[in-house]
């Protein structure tokens, strides 16, 4: 189920990161609350963000821990709320502009090369079949001087650098 709930992990990581930037406090939030309660059955950031806004926010991970399986929705006291969200146009310039301001949720294609990825810089080709959710937290130029942009990715609690 963890792979099927990547949308919840990416949504929560984006909100946790923004809250940390705003308040200086890292509040671990509940992915499980989204998995259990989002009536849209997940997979889409805008639907998850809409659910969070309509329901007053997300509770903490300690209050509603991750179970790796869908369960009954339980009401819990919200710890962090959001006021809105925007879609980033699907182009490199817009992505760089957005990531320069804040962490953002991104959908990517896994592809055969990504299936066996372990660590380091991933330089496979980009696809168009969007099937996995991640959070981009920064970007910069390639250290080798090839003018290739690197993105810093936070996915399910691990930092990764890739192209």
Protein backbone atom coordinates (compact mmCIF):
# COMPACT_ATOMS: atom_id res chain seq x y z
CA UNK A 1 0.00 0.00 0.00
CA UNK A 2 2.93 2.38 0.61
CA UNK A 3 3.54 2.77 -3.12
CA UNK A 4 -0.17 3.32 -3.70
CA UNK A 5 -0.19 6.08 -1.08
CA UNK A 6 2.71 8.09 -2.54
CA UNK A 7 0.20 10.86 -3.29
CA UNK A 8 -0.55 11.15 0.45
CA UNK A 9 3.16 11.17 1.38
CA UNK A 10 3.96 13.83 -1.22
CA UNK A 11 0.98 16.00 -0.23
CA UNK A 12 1.85 15.76 3.47
CA UNK A 13 5.58 16.39 2.86
CA UNK A 14 4.72 19.54 0.91
CA UNK A 15 2.48 20.85 3.69
CA UNK A 16 4.94 19.88 6.45
CA UNK A 17 7.74 21.68 4.60
CA UNK A 18 5.69 24.83 4.03
CA UNK A 19 4.57 24.86 7.66
CA UNK A 20 8.20 24.45 8.78
CA UNK A 21 9.27 27.39 6.60
CA UNK A 22 6.42 29.53 7.94
CA UNK A 23 6.61 28.64 11.65
CA UNK A 24 10.12 27.25 12.17
CA UNK A 25 8.55 24.12 13.67
CA UNK A 26 8.53 20.71 12.00
CA UNK A 27 5.17 19.09 12.74
CA UNK A 28 4.97 15.52 11.37
CA UNK A 29 1.51 15.21 9.84
CA UNK A 30 -0.66 12.17 9.13
CA UNK A 31 -0.52 10.50 5.73
CA UNK A 32 -2.91 7.87 7.09
CA UNK A 33 -5.63 10.46 7.65
CA UNK A 34 -5.59 11.23 3.92
CA UNK A 35 -5.49 7.53 2.98
CA UNK A 36 -8.48 6.78 5.22
CA UNK A 37 -10.56 9.91 4.79
CA UNK A 38 -10.03 11.38 1.31
CA UNK A 39 -13.28 10.37 -0.43
CA UNK A 40 -11.64 10.70 -3.83
CA UNK A 41 -9.47 7.63 -3.09
CA UNK A 42 -6.32 9.66 -3.61
CA UNK A 43 -3.86 9.92 -6.38
CA UNK A 44 -4.40 13.61 -7.08
CA UNK A 45 -2.81 16.52 -5.21
CA UNK A 46 -5.62 18.95 -5.91
CA UNK A 47 -8.19 16.53 -4.48
CA UNK A 48 -6.07 15.86 -1.39
CA UNK A 49 -5.52 19.60 -0.88
CA UNK A 50 -9.26 20.20 -1.31
CA UNK A 51 -10.04 17.54 1.30
CA UNK A 52 -7.57 19.12 3.74
CA UNK A 53 -9.11 22.59 3.29
CA UNK A 54 -12.70 21.32 3.53
CA UNK A 55 -11.96 19.36 6.71
CA UNK A 56 -10.02 21.99 8.64
CA UNK A 57 -6.52 20.58 8.15
CA UNK A 58 -4.46 17.51 8.99
CA UNK A 59 -3.72 16.02 12.37
CA UNK A 60 -0.30 14.84 13.53
CA UNK A 61 1.30 11.53 12.60
CA UNK A 62 1.46 10.70 16.33
CA UNK A 63 -2.31 11.19 16.64
CA UNK A 64 -3.13 9.23 13.46
CA UNK A 65 -0.14 6.94 12.62
CA UNK A 66 0.52 5.32 9.25
CA UNK A 67 -0.80 1.73 8.99
CA UNK A 68 0.05 0.89 5.34
CA UNK A 69 -3.58 -0.07 4.71
CA UNK A 70 -6.81 1.82 4.17
CA UNK A 71 -9.02 1.98 7.25
CA UNK A 72 -12.11 3.72 8.54
CA UNK A 73 -11.89 7.50 8.64
CA UNK A 74 -11.47 8.81 12.19
CA UNK A 75 -12.00 12.44 13.12
CA UNK A 76 -8.98 14.01 14.75
CA UNK A 77 -7.98 17.49 15.89
CA UNK A 78 -6.25 19.36 13.03
CA UNK A 79 -2.66 20.46 13.70
CA UNK A 80 -1.99 22.31 10.42
CA UNK A 81 -4.36 23.76 7.81
CA UNK A 82 -3.89 25.34 4.39
CA UNK A 83 -5.71 28.27 2.83
CA UNK A 84 -5.35 27.26 -0.82
CA UNK A 85 -3.19 25.72 -3.49
CA UNK A 86 -2.21 26.40 -7.09
CA UNK A 87 -1.31 24.17 -10.02
CA UNK A 88 2.12 24.74 -11.59
CA UNK A 89 2.10 24.80 -15.41
CA UNK A 90 3.83 21.69 -16.82
CA UNK A 91 7.08 23.26 -18.04
CA UNK A 92 10.65 23.57 -16.73
CA UNK A 93 10.59 27.35 -16.19
CA UNK A 94 7.38 27.22 -14.14
CA UNK A 95 8.68 24.30 -12.07
CA UNK A 96 11.95 26.13 -11.32
CA UNK A 97 10.09 29.30 -10.39
CA UNK A 98 7.74 27.44 -8.05
CA UNK A 99 10.48 25.36 -6.37
CA UNK A 100 12.55 28.52 -5.83
CA UNK A 101 9.71 29.82 -3.63
CA UNK A 102 8.58 26.68 -1.82
CA UNK A 103 8.44 22.87 -1.87
CA UNK A 104 5.91 21.53 -4.38
CA UNK A 105 4.21 18.25 -5.16
CA UNK A 106 5.26 16.74 -8.49
CA UNK A 107 3.95 13.78 -10.47
CA UNK A 108 6.53 11.73 -12.39
CA UNK A 109 6.73 8.62 -14.53
CA UNK A 110 8.55 5.76 -12.83
CA UNK A 111 9.90 4.14 -16.01
CA UNK A 112 12.05 1.04 -16.16
CA UNK A 113 15.24 2.90 -15.19
CA UNK A 114 13.67 4.35 -12.06
CA UNK A 115 12.40 0.94 -10.92
CA UNK A 116 15.92 -0.11 -9.85
CA UNK A 117 17.18 3.31 -8.73
CA UNK A 118 18.95 3.21 -5.35
CA UNK A 119 20.77 6.52 -4.80
CA UNK A 120 22.76 9.35 -6.36
CA UNK A 121 21.82 11.37 -9.40
CA UNK A 122 19.14 9.80 -11.56
CA UNK A 123 19.60 10.92 -15.15
CA UNK A 124 17.08 8.78 -17.02
CA UNK A 125 14.66 10.18 -19.54
CA UNK A 126 11.48 11.96 -18.52
CA UNK A 127 8.23 10.30 -19.39
CA UNK A 128 4.67 11.49 -19.74
CA UNK A 129 2.80 8.72 -17.89
CA UNK A 130 2.44 10.36 -14.48
CA UNK A 131 2.24 7.53 -11.96
CA UNK A 132 4.26 8.48 -8.88
CA UNK A 133 4.12 11.47 -6.52
CA UNK A 134 7.13 13.21 -4.99
CA UNK A 135 7.92 16.54 -3.34
CA UNK A 136 10.53 18.79 -4.98
CA UNK A 137 12.27 20.94 -2.36
CA UNK A 138 14.96 22.69 -4.41
CA UNK A 139 17.03 22.80 -7.58
CA UNK A 140 20.37 23.99 -8.90
CA UNK A 141 22.88 23.62 -11.71
CA UNK A 142 24.75 20.39 -12.32
CA UNK A 143 28.11 20.44 -10.50
CA UNK A 144 29.81 18.91 -13.56
CA UNK A 145 29.06 22.06 -15.54
CA UNK A 146 26.79 20.44 -18.11
CA UNK A 147 24.07 23.07 -17.47
CA UNK A 148 21.67 20.31 -16.51
CA UNK A 149 19.26 21.23 -13.74
CA UNK A 150 19.24 19.07 -10.62
CA UNK A 151 16.18 18.81 -8.43
CA UNK A 152 16.30 17.90 -4.77
CA UNK A 153 13.49 15.49 -4.05
CA UNK A 154 11.87 14.54 -0.75
CA UNK A 155 9.95 11.31 -1.20
CA UNK A 156 8.53 9.30 1.69
CA UNK A 157 10.96 10.90 4.13
CA UNK A 158 14.18 10.47 2.12
CA UNK A 159 16.16 13.20 0.33
CA UNK A 160 17.29 12.37 -3.21
CA UNK A 161 19.03 14.40 -5.91
CA UNK A 162 18.05 13.87 -9.53
CA UNK A 163 17.62 15.53 -12.91
